[in-house]
Amino acid sequence: MLEHLRPAVSLVALSTVVLGLACPLAFVAAGHVAPNRAEGSLVMRDGHAVGSALIGQNFASPRYIHGRPSAITGTDAKGATIPAPYDASTSLASNLAPTSKALHDRIATDLAALGKRGLGAGETAGGAVPVDAITASGSGLDADISPDYALMQARPVASARGIAEASVRDIIATETQPRTFGLFGEPHVNVLRVNLALDRLPPGAHRGTPGQVAGVVR
């Protein structure tokens, strides 16, 4: 009987050591190699976390660059469905088909909202509205936008702050990240980092407060 129990007990002991101790410790060690990523890629200002470089925030003030639309929804006190853009407690896509009337209506509404902010195809080099300006992502939590969409917002943001448009464009250019290893993904701009850089401009620009409760800046 012992000759049958010994392999079983040995296997349990080995599995416990490898899977219960060695593997968890290896992951902890890997986290110390890249502590920022392990802790959620937090973005700090004045010693305080104001957000994550991986999770977008719902910037609404004209003084800031805005992220792409978010299709995340929630419920109010009466149980009705309401928009909850960039709600970090969940992740949601609209799942609307390209032929969906609801999708077409939402895009039309987003285009109208861009117009109210003074944005349009005329603000871009290619003469077209960037796709990420009117379409939501699969997660609803995108922290990055395309350089075209960021640059499209440079003039109205500069106007709202009373600063030169070139200053905003310089910040966007500095914060534009290339493709990973030059091959993967697309050039992108982190919205929170750009907005924090805007707040670090010399006196004369109105300072805001990225990282308010619920991540909303108004």
C-alpha atoms as a PDB file:
ATOM      1  CA  MET A   1       0.000   0.000   0.000  1.00  0.00           C
ATOM      2  CA  LEU A   2       2.856   2.363   0.835  1.00  0.00           C
ATOM      3  CA  GLU A   3       4.257   1.955  -2.633  1.00  0.00           C
ATOM      4  CA  HIS A   4       0.999   3.407  -3.981  1.00  0.00           C
ATOM      5  CA  LEU A   5       0.700   6.188  -1.406  1.00  0.00           C
ATOM      6  CA  ARG A   6       4.303   7.379  -1.674  1.00  0.00           C
ATOM      7  CA  PRO A   7       4.021   8.654  -5.312  1.00  0.00           C
ATOM      8  CA  ALA A   8       0.689  10.337  -4.562  1.00  0.00           C
ATOM      9  CA  VAL A   9       2.000  12.086  -1.452  1.00  0.00           C
ATOM     10  CA  SER A  10       5.176  13.097  -3.273  1.00  0.00           C
ATOM     11  CA  LEU A  11       3.160  14.549  -6.146  1.00  0.00           C
ATOM     12  CA  VAL A  12       0.957  16.548  -3.769  1.00  0.00           C
ATOM     13  CA  ALA A  13       4.010  17.873  -1.931  1.00  0.00           C
ATOM     14  CA  LEU A  14       5.793  18.784  -5.163  1.00  0.00           C
ATOM     15  CA  SER A  15       2.688  20.478  -6.566  1.00  0.00           C
ATOM     16  CA  THR A  16       2.270  22.456  -3.344  1.00  0.00           C
ATOM     17  CA  VAL A  17       5.852  23.683  -3.416  1.00  0.00           C
ATOM     18  CA  VAL A  18       5.856  24.545  -7.135  1.00  0.00           C
ATOM     19  CA  LEU A  19       2.325  25.897  -7.578  1.00  0.00           C
ATOM     20  CA  GLY A  20       1.654  27.130  -4.059  1.00  0.00           C
ATOM     21  CA  LEU A  21       5.010  28.718  -3.276  1.00  0.00           C
ATOM     22  CA  ALA A  22       7.437  28.984  -6.194  1.00  0.00           C
ATOM     23  CA  CYS A  23       4.988  30.353  -8.771  1.00  0.00           C
ATOM     24  CA  PRO A  24       3.412  33.025  -6.513  1.00  0.00           C
ATOM     25  CA  LEU A  25       6.857  34.139  -5.352  1.00  0.00           C
ATOM     26  CA  ALA A  26       8.006  34.349  -8.974  1.00  0.00           C
ATOM     27  CA  PHE A  27       5.062  36.622  -9.829  1.00  0.00           C
ATOM     28  CA  VAL A  28       5.804  38.812  -6.793  1.00  0.00           C
ATOM     29  CA  ALA A  29       9.431  39.070  -7.892  1.00  0.00           C
ATOM     30  CA  ALA A  30       8.351  39.994 -11.420  1.00  0.00           C
ATOM     31  CA  GLY A  31       6.176  42.735  -9.928  1.00  0.00           C
ATOM     32  CA  HIS A  32       9.215  44.229  -8.202  1.00  0.00           C
ATOM     33  CA  VAL A  33      11.036  44.356 -11.546  1.00  0.00           C
ATOM     34  CA  ALA A  34       8.299  46.659 -12.895  1.00  0.00           C
ATOM     35  CA  PRO A  35       6.680  48.085  -9.722  1.00  0.00           C
ATOM     36  CA  ASN A  36       4.754  50.824 -11.529  1.00  0.00           C
ATOM     37  CA  ARG A  37       2.952  48.355 -13.776  1.00  0.00           C
ATOM     38  CA  ALA A  38       2.334  45.953 -10.893  1.00  0.00           C
ATOM     39  CA  GLU A  39       0.653  48.738  -8.914  1.00  0.00           C
ATOM     40  CA  GLY A  40      -1.630  49.804 -11.755  1.00  0.00           C
ATOM     41  CA  SER A  41       0.571  52.339 -13.583  1.00  0.00           C
ATOM     42  CA  LEU A  42      -0.571  55.117 -11.252  1.00  0.00           C
ATOM     43  CA  VAL A  43       0.033  58.712 -12.351  1.00  0.00           C
ATOM     44  CA  MET A  44       1.187  60.971  -9.519  1.00  0.00           C
ATOM     45  CA  ARG A  45       0.928  64.721  -8.975  1.00  0.00           C
ATOM     46  CA  ASP A  46       2.309  66.459  -5.893  1.00  0.00           C
ATOM     47  CA  GLY A  47       2.750  63.073  -4.227  1.00  0.00           C
ATOM     48  CA  HIS A  48      -0.856  62.014  -4.805  1.00  0.00           C
ATOM     49  CA  ALA A  49      -2.294  59.520  -7.285  1.00  0.00           C
ATOM     50  CA  VAL A  50      -4.571  61.328  -9.736  1.00  0.00           C
ATOM     51  CA  GLY A  51      -5.363  58.375 -11.969  1.00  0.00           C
ATOM     52  CA  SER A  52      -3.910  55.494 -13.923  1.00  0.00           C
ATOM     53  CA  ALA A  53      -2.153  55.609 -17.266  1.00  0.00           C
ATOM     54  CA  LEU A  54      -4.249  52.568 -18.203  1.00  0.00           C
ATOM     55  CA  ILE A  55      -7.753  53.782 -17.234  1.00  0.00           C
ATOM     56  CA  GLY A  56      -9.354  56.793 -18.886  1.00  0.00           C
ATOM     57  CA  GLN A  57     -11.222  59.572 -17.102  1.00  0.00           C
ATOM     58  CA  ASN A  58     -14.276  61.519 -18.188  1.00  0.00           C
ATOM     59  CA  PHE A  59     -12.799  64.970 -18.776  1.00  0.00           C
ATOM     60  CA  ALA A  60     -15.578  67.428 -19.506  1.00  0.00           C
ATOM     61  CA  SER A  61     -14.005  70.881 -19.079  1.00  0.00           C
ATOM     62  CA  PRO A  62     -13.136  72.795 -22.287  1.00  0.00           C
ATOM     63  CA  ARG A  63      -9.710  73.447 -20.708  1.00  0.00           C
ATOM     64  CA  TYR A  64      -8.760  69.792 -21.162  1.00  0.00           C
ATOM     65  CA  ILE A  65      -8.218  67.287 -23.928  1.00  0.00           C
ATOM     66  CA  HIS A  66     -11.118  64.821 -23.937  1.00  0.00           C
ATOM     67  CA  GLY A  67     -10.902  61.060 -24.398  1.00  0.00           C
ATOM     68  CA  ARG A  68     -12.873  58.963 -26.859  1.00  0.00           C
ATOM     69  CA  PRO A  69     -16.562  58.240 -26.186  1.00  0.00           C
ATOM     70  CA  SER A  70     -17.316  55.583 -23.574  1.00  0.00           C
ATOM     71  CA  ALA A  71     -20.371  53.343 -23.930  1.00  0.00           C
ATOM     72  CA  ILE A  72     -20.392  52.232 -20.285  1.00  0.00           C
ATOM     73  CA  THR A  73     -23.785  52.546 -18.602  1.00  0.00           C
ATOM     74  CA  GLY A  74     -25.095  52.227 -15.063  1.00  0.00           C
ATOM     75  CA  THR A  75     -28.390  52.458 -13.211  1.00  0.00           C
ATOM     76  CA  ASP A  76     -29.878  55.299 -11.214  1.00  0.00           C
ATOM     77  CA  ALA A  77     -31.781  55.051  -7.926  1.00  0.00           C
ATOM     78  CA  LYS A  78     -34.943  54.084  -9.810  1.00  0.00           C
ATOM     79  CA  GLY A  79     -33.219  51.325 -11.753  1.00  0.00           C
ATOM     80  CA  ALA A  80     -33.196  53.198 -15.054  1.00  0.00           C
ATOM     81  CA  THR A  81     -30.190  52.835 -17.360  1.00  0.00           C
ATOM     82  CA  ILE A  82     -28.028  55.959 -17.493  1.00  0.00           C
ATOM     83  CA  PRO A  83     -24.660  56.767 -19.104  1.00  0.00           C
ATOM     84  CA  ALA A  84     -21.680  56.117 -16.815  1.00  0.00           C
ATOM     85  CA  PRO A  85     -18.677  56.905 -19.033  1.00  0.00           C
ATOM     86  CA  TYR A  86     -15.320  55.632 -17.812  1.00  0.00           C
ATOM     87  CA  ASP A  87     -16.814  53.918 -14.765  1.00  0.00           C
ATOM     88  CA  ALA A  88     -13.714  51.988 -13.698  1.00  0.00           C
ATOM     89  CA  SER A  89     -15.780  49.485 -11.711  1.00  0.00           C
ATOM     90  CA  THR A  90     -16.895  47.875 -14.945  1.00  0.00           C
ATOM     91  CA  SER A  91     -16.013  47.568 -18.623  1.00  0.00           C
ATOM     92  CA  LEU A  92     -18.546  47.626 -21.419  1.00  0.00           C
ATOM     93  CA  ALA A  93     -18.930  48.041 -25.162  1.00  0.00           C
ATOM     94  CA  SER A  94     -22.118  49.096 -26.925  1.00  0.00           C
ATOM     95  CA  ASN A  95     -22.177  45.882 -29.011  1.00  0.00           C
ATOM     96  CA  LEU A  96     -24.193  47.756 -31.641  1.00  0.00           C
ATOM     97  CA  ALA A  97     -23.987  46.473 -35.219  1.00  0.00           C
ATOM     98  CA  PRO A  98     -22.701  48.796 -37.976  1.00  0.00           C
ATOM     99  CA  THR A  99     -26.253  48.957 -39.363  1.00  0.00           C
ATOM    100  CA  SER A 100     -27.785  49.838 -35.985  1.00  0.00           C
ATOM    101  CA  LYS A 101     -29.914  52.981 -35.984  1.00  0.00           C
ATOM    102  CA  ALA A 102     -29.006  53.511 -32.335  1.00  0.00           C
ATOM    103  CA  LEU A 103     -25.324  53.552 -33.305  1.00  0.00           C
ATOM    104  CA  HIS A 104     -25.930  56.008 -36.141  1.00  0.00           C
ATOM    105  CA  ASP A 105     -27.956  58.255 -33.821  1.00  0.00           C
ATOM    106  CA  ARG A 106     -25.225  58.193 -31.180  1.00  0.00           C
ATOM    107  CA  ILE A 107     -22.534  59.063 -33.718  1.00  0.00           C
ATOM    108  CA  ALA A 108     -24.690  61.936 -34.977  1.00  0.00           C
ATOM    109  CA  THR A 109     -25.049  63.141 -31.382  1.00  0.00           C
ATOM    110  CA  ASP A 110     -21.286  62.913 -30.835  1.00  0.00           C
ATOM    111  CA  LEU A 111     -20.627  64.856 -34.032  1.00  0.00           C
ATOM    112  CA  ALA A 112     -23.027  67.548 -32.858  1.00  0.00           C
ATOM    113  CA  ALA A 113     -21.232  67.671 -29.491  1.00  0.00           C
ATOM    114  CA  LEU A 114     -17.910  68.133 -31.269  1.00  0.00           C
ATOM    115  CA  GLY A 115     -19.437  70.990 -33.218  1.00  0.00           C
ATOM    116  CA  LYS A 116     -20.529  72.682 -30.008  1.00  0.00           C
ATOM    117  CA  ARG A 117     -16.928  72.508 -28.800  1.00  0.00           C
ATOM    118  CA  GLY A 118     -15.790  74.141 -32.017  1.00  0.00           C
ATOM    119  CA  LEU A 119     -14.308  70.928 -33.383  1.00  0.00           C
ATOM    120  CA  GLY A 120     -14.660  69.479 -36.840  1.00  0.00           C
ATOM    121  CA  ALA A 121     -12.870  68.048 -39.835  1.00  0.00           C
ATOM    122  CA  GLY A 122     -11.323  71.445 -40.489  1.00  0.00           C
ATOM    123  CA  GLU A 123      -9.203  71.040 -37.344  1.00  0.00           C
ATOM    124  CA  THR A 124      -7.356  67.999 -38.735  1.00  0.00           C
ATOM    125  CA  ALA A 125      -4.585  67.783 -41.284  1.00  0.00           C
ATOM    126  CA  GLY A 126      -6.452  65.194 -43.328  1.00  0.00           C
ATOM    127  CA  GLY A 127      -9.720  67.082 -43.315  1.00  0.00           C
ATOM    128  CA  ALA A 128     -11.650  64.242 -41.648  1.00  0.00           C
ATOM    129  CA  VAL A 129     -12.877  63.606 -38.112  1.00  0.00           C
ATOM    130  CA  PRO A 130     -10.700  60.918 -36.457  1.00  0.00           C
ATOM    131  CA  VAL A 131     -12.558  57.656 -35.877  1.00  0.00           C
ATOM    132  CA  ASP A 132     -11.809  57.635 -32.154  1.00  0.00           C
ATOM    133  CA  ALA A 133     -13.508  61.019 -31.765  1.00  0.00           C
ATOM    134  CA  ILE A 134     -16.937  59.484 -32.423  1.00  0.00           C
ATOM    135  CA  THR A 135     -16.606  55.752 -31.726  1.00  0.00           C
ATOM    136  CA  ALA A 136     -16.429  54.034 -28.354  1.00  0.00           C
ATOM    137  CA  SER A 137     -13.839  51.374 -27.605  1.00  0.00           C
ATOM    138  CA  GLY A 138     -14.497  47.762 -26.684  1.00  0.00           C
ATOM    139  CA  SER A 139     -13.615  48.409 -23.031  1.00  0.00           C
ATOM    140  CA  GLY A 140     -15.082  51.885 -22.565  1.00  0.00           C
ATOM    141  CA  LEU A 141     -11.990  52.688 -20.498  1.00  0.00           C
ATOM    142  CA  ASP A 142      -9.405  53.743 -23.104  1.00  0.00           C
ATOM    143  CA  ALA A 143      -6.813  56.079 -21.607  1.00  0.00           C
ATOM    144  CA  ASP A 144      -5.287  56.963 -24.989  1.00  0.00           C
ATOM    145  CA  ILE A 145      -6.443  58.682 -28.146  1.00  0.00           C
ATOM    146  CA  SER A 146      -4.906  59.160 -31.567  1.00  0.00           C
ATOM    147  CA  PRO A 147      -2.557  62.107 -32.164  1.00  0.00           C
ATOM    148  CA  ASP A 148      -5.025  63.389 -34.782  1.00  0.00           C
ATOM    149  CA  TYR A 149      -7.855  63.564 -32.250  1.00  0.00           C
ATOM    150  CA  ALA A 150      -5.611  65.226 -29.681  1.00  0.00           C
ATOM    151  CA  LEU A 151      -4.371  67.834 -32.175  1.00  0.00           C
ATOM    152  CA  MET A 152      -7.937  68.472 -33.316  1.00  0.00           C
ATOM    153  CA  GLN A 153      -8.648  69.718 -29.790  1.00  0.00           C
ATOM    154  CA  ALA A 154      -5.570  71.945 -29.500  1.00  0.00           C
ATOM    155  CA  ARG A 155      -7.163  75.194 -30.691  1.00  0.00           C
ATOM    156  CA  PRO A 156     -10.291  75.144 -28.447  1.00  0.00           C
ATOM    157  CA  VAL A 157      -8.251  74.025 -25.415  1.00  0.00           C
ATOM    158  CA  ALA A 158      -5.766  76.851 -26.004  1.00  0.00           C
ATOM    159  CA  SER A 159      -8.650  79.292 -26.388  1.00  0.00           C
ATOM    160  CA  ALA A 160     -10.284  78.125 -23.144  1.00  0.00           C
ATOM    161  CA  ARG A 161      -6.985  78.561 -21.280  1.00  0.00           C
ATOM    162  CA  GLY A 162      -5.981  81.803 -22.947  1.00  0.00           C
ATOM    163  CA  ILE A 163      -2.662  80.401 -24.143  1.00  0.00           C
ATOM    164  CA  ALA A 164      -0.974  79.922 -27.493  1.00  0.00           C
ATOM    165  CA  GLU A 165      -2.188  76.979 -29.560  1.00  0.00           C
ATOM    166  CA  ALA A 166       1.455  76.132 -30.264  1.00  0.00           C
ATOM    167  CA  SER A 167       1.969  75.427 -26.550  1.00  0.00           C
ATOM    168  CA  VAL A 168      -0.797  72.822 -26.570  1.00  0.00           C
ATOM    169  CA  ARG A 169       0.500  71.277 -29.784  1.00  0.00           C
ATOM    170  CA  ASP A 170       4.019  71.065 -28.344  1.00  0.00           C
ATOM    171  CA  ILE A 171       2.728  69.165 -25.303  1.00  0.00           C
ATOM    172  CA  ILE A 172       0.763  66.759 -27.500  1.00  0.00           C
ATOM    173  CA  ALA A 173       3.830  66.149 -29.655  1.00  0.00           C
ATOM    174  CA  THR A 174       5.962  65.490 -26.565  1.00  0.00           C
ATOM    175  CA  GLU A 175       3.410  63.059 -25.115  1.00  0.00           C
ATOM    176  CA  THR A 176       2.796  61.176 -28.373  1.00  0.00           C
ATOM    177  CA  GLN A 177       4.008  57.593 -27.987  1.00  0.00           C
ATOM    178  CA  PRO A 178       5.163  55.617 -31.050  1.00  0.00           C
ATOM    179  CA  ARG A 179       4.281  52.055 -31.983  1.00  0.00           C
ATOM    180  CA  THR A 180       5.639  49.460 -29.571  1.00  0.00           C
ATOM    181  CA  PHE A 181       9.015  48.304 -30.909  1.00  0.00           C
ATOM    182  CA  GLY A 182       8.124  50.302 -34.014  1.00  0.00           C
ATOM    183  CA  LEU A 183       5.776  47.512 -35.128  1.00  0.00           C
ATOM    184  CA  PHE A 184       2.821  46.943 -32.829  1.00  0.00           C
ATOM    185  CA  GLY A 185      -0.186  49.188 -32.325  1.00  0.00           C
ATOM    186  CA  GLU A 186      -0.521  52.792 -33.444  1.00  0.00           C
ATOM    187  CA  PRO A 187       0.945  56.086 -32.225  1.00  0.00           C
ATOM    188  CA  HIS A 188      -1.134  57.283 -29.281  1.00  0.00           C
ATOM    189  CA  VAL A 189      -1.492  60.059 -26.751  1.00  0.00           C
ATOM    190  CA  ASN A 190      -2.304  59.510 -23.079  1.00  0.00           C
ATOM    191  CA  VAL A 191      -5.091  61.940 -22.230  1.00  0.00           C
ATOM    192  CA  LEU A 192      -4.327  62.232 -18.498  1.00  0.00           C
ATOM    193  CA  ARG A 193      -0.618  62.892 -19.050  1.00  0.00           C
ATOM    194  CA  VAL A 194      -1.366  65.626 -21.604  1.00  0.00           C
ATOM    195  CA  ASN A 195      -3.841  67.295 -19.262  1.00  0.00           C
ATOM    196  CA  LEU A 196      -1.397  67.201 -16.368  1.00  0.00           C
ATOM    197  CA  ALA A 197       1.242  68.721 -18.637  1.00  0.00           C
ATOM    198  CA  LEU A 198      -1.215  71.479 -19.527  1.00  0.00           C
ATOM    199  CA  ASP A 199      -1.633  72.230 -15.834  1.00  0.00           C
ATOM    200  CA  ARG A 200       2.149  72.536 -15.483  1.00  0.00           C
ATOM    201  CA  LEU A 201       2.343  75.366 -18.002  1.00  0.00           C
ATOM    202  CA  PRO A 202       3.584  78.741 -16.695  1.00  0.00           C
ATOM    203  CA  PRO A 203       1.141  81.035 -14.849  1.00  0.00           C
ATOM    204  CA  GLY A 204      -1.564  82.404 -17.082  1.00  0.00           C
ATOM    205  CA  ALA A 205      -3.149  79.065 -17.844  1.00  0.00           C
ATOM    206  CA  HIS A 206      -6.071  78.215 -15.603  1.00  0.00           C
ATOM    207  CA  ARG A 207      -5.150  75.250 -13.418  1.00  0.00           C
ATOM    208  CA  GLY A 208      -7.640  72.412 -13.076  1.00  0.00           C
ATOM    209  CA  THR A 209      -7.867  69.309 -10.927  1.00  0.00           C
ATOM    210  CA  PRO A 210      -7.463  66.023 -12.858  1.00  0.00           C
ATOM    211  CA  GLY A 211      -8.178  63.057 -10.639  1.00  0.00           C
ATOM    212  CA  GLN A 212     -11.266  64.363  -8.837  1.00  0.00           C
ATOM    213  CA  VAL A 213     -13.654  61.857  -7.301  1.00  0.00           C
ATOM    214  CA  ALA A 214     -15.036  59.616 -10.047  1.00  0.00           C
ATOM    215  CA  GLY A 215     -12.302  60.889 -12.328  1.00  0.00           C
ATOM    216  CA  VAL A 216     -14.493  63.668 -13.723  1.00  0.00           C
ATOM    217  CA  VAL A 217     -13.113  67.102 -14.406  1.00  0.00           C
ATOM    218  CA  ARG A 218     -15.694  69.785 -15.067  1.00  0.00           C
END
